Amino acid sequence: MNKPRRILAGGAGHLMGGFLYNTRNGNNPFSAKADISCISVPIIHLYKFLLAQI
């Protein structure tokens, strides 16, 4: 009996950015913000097996 195996891999990440404006008097009222987080590399191994035969 042929039992196929598969290995799957991928990547995931989160990028967020934005701008702020300071209403008070200042030299630079605009600011840019950026955030990179949750970088992951999931790997899945799939194996098909027969638990019971009915």
C-alpha atoms as a PDB file:
ATOM      1  CA  MET A   1       0.000   0.000   0.000  1.00  0.00           C
ATOM      2  CA  ASN A   2       1.385   3.371  -1.027  1.00  0.00           C
ATOM      3  CA  LYS A   3       1.364   5.932   1.801  1.00  0.00           C
ATOM      4  CA  PRO A   4       2.193   9.358   0.386  1.00  0.00           C
ATOM      5  CA  ARG A   5       4.114  11.854   2.466  1.00  0.00           C
ATOM      6  CA  ARG A   6       4.182  15.585   1.893  1.00  0.00           C
ATOM      7  CA  ILE A   7       6.286  18.307   3.468  1.00  0.00           C
ATOM      8  CA  LEU A   8       4.940  21.843   3.212  1.00  0.00           C
ATOM      9  CA  ALA A   9       6.813  25.000   4.171  1.00  0.00           C
ATOM     10  CA  GLY A  10       5.939  28.663   4.052  1.00  0.00           C
ATOM     11  CA  GLY A  11       6.504  31.991   5.661  1.00  0.00           C
ATOM     12  CA  ALA A  12       4.459  34.538   7.529  1.00  0.00           C
ATOM     13  CA  GLY A  13       5.112  38.077   8.631  1.00  0.00           C
ATOM     14  CA  HIS A  14       3.434  41.253   9.746  1.00  0.00           C
ATOM     15  CA  LEU A  15       4.319  44.770   8.596  1.00  0.00           C
ATOM     16  CA  MET A  16       2.659  47.882   9.968  1.00  0.00           C
ATOM     17  CA  GLY A  17       3.395  51.533   9.310  1.00  0.00           C
ATOM     18  CA  GLY A  18       1.916  54.946   9.810  1.00  0.00           C
ATOM     19  CA  PHE A  19       2.455  58.671  10.168  1.00  0.00           C
ATOM     20  CA  LEU A  20       2.112  60.997  13.144  1.00  0.00           C
ATOM     21  CA  TYR A  21       1.510  64.728  13.148  1.00  0.00           C
ATOM     22  CA  ASN A  22       2.488  66.776  16.190  1.00  0.00           C
ATOM     23  CA  THR A  23       0.067  69.690  16.684  1.00  0.00           C
ATOM     24  CA  ARG A  24       2.455  71.519  19.024  1.00  0.00           C
ATOM     25  CA  ASN A  25       5.030  73.880  17.602  1.00  0.00           C
ATOM     26  CA  GLY A  26       8.232  72.060  16.720  1.00  0.00           C
ATOM     27  CA  ASN A  27      10.963  71.751  14.170  1.00  0.00           C
ATOM     28  CA  ASN A  28       9.650  68.505  12.645  1.00  0.00           C
ATOM     29  CA  PRO A  29       5.868  68.035  13.120  1.00  0.00           C
ATOM     30  CA  PHE A  30       5.671  64.878  10.898  1.00  0.00           C
ATOM     31  CA  SER A  31       7.021  61.491  11.995  1.00  0.00           C
ATOM     32  CA  ALA A  32       6.933  58.112  10.264  1.00  0.00           C
ATOM     33  CA  LYS A  33       6.709  54.858  12.203  1.00  0.00           C
ATOM     34  CA  ALA A  34       7.246  51.272  11.020  1.00  0.00           C
ATOM     35  CA  ASP A  35       7.052  47.882  12.734  1.00  0.00           C
ATOM     36  CA  ILE A  36       7.962  44.394  11.490  1.00  0.00           C
ATOM     37  CA  SER A  37       7.031  41.481  13.727  1.00  0.00           C
ATOM     38  CA  CYS A  38       5.784  37.893  13.828  1.00  0.00           C
ATOM     39  CA  ILE A  39       8.237  36.548  11.284  1.00  0.00           C
ATOM     40  CA  SER A  40       7.900  32.765  11.256  1.00  0.00           C
ATOM     41  CA  VAL A  41       8.630  29.788   9.027  1.00  0.00           C
ATOM     42  CA  PRO A  42       6.110  26.977   9.611  1.00  0.00           C
ATOM     43  CA  ILE A  43       6.906  23.461   8.340  1.00  0.00           C
ATOM     44  CA  ILE A  44       4.204  20.784   8.125  1.00  0.00           C
ATOM     45  CA  HIS A  45       4.757  17.072   7.555  1.00  0.00           C
ATOM     46  CA  LEU A  46       1.656  15.217   6.317  1.00  0.00           C
ATOM     47  CA  TYR A  47       1.474  11.442   6.441  1.00  0.00           C
ATOM     48  CA  LYS A  48      -1.608   9.467   5.445  1.00  0.00           C
ATOM     49  CA  PHE A  49      -2.295   6.345   7.512  1.00  0.00           C
ATOM     50  CA  LEU A  50      -5.183   3.936   7.986  1.00  0.00           C
ATOM     51  CA  LEU A  51      -6.573   3.915  11.521  1.00  0.00           C
ATOM     52  CA  ALA A  52      -9.251   1.238  11.028  1.00  0.00           C
ATOM     53  CA  GLN A  53     -10.793  -0.640   8.139  1.00  0.00           C
ATOM     54  CA  ILE A  54     -14.575  -0.876   8.125  1.00  0.00           C
END
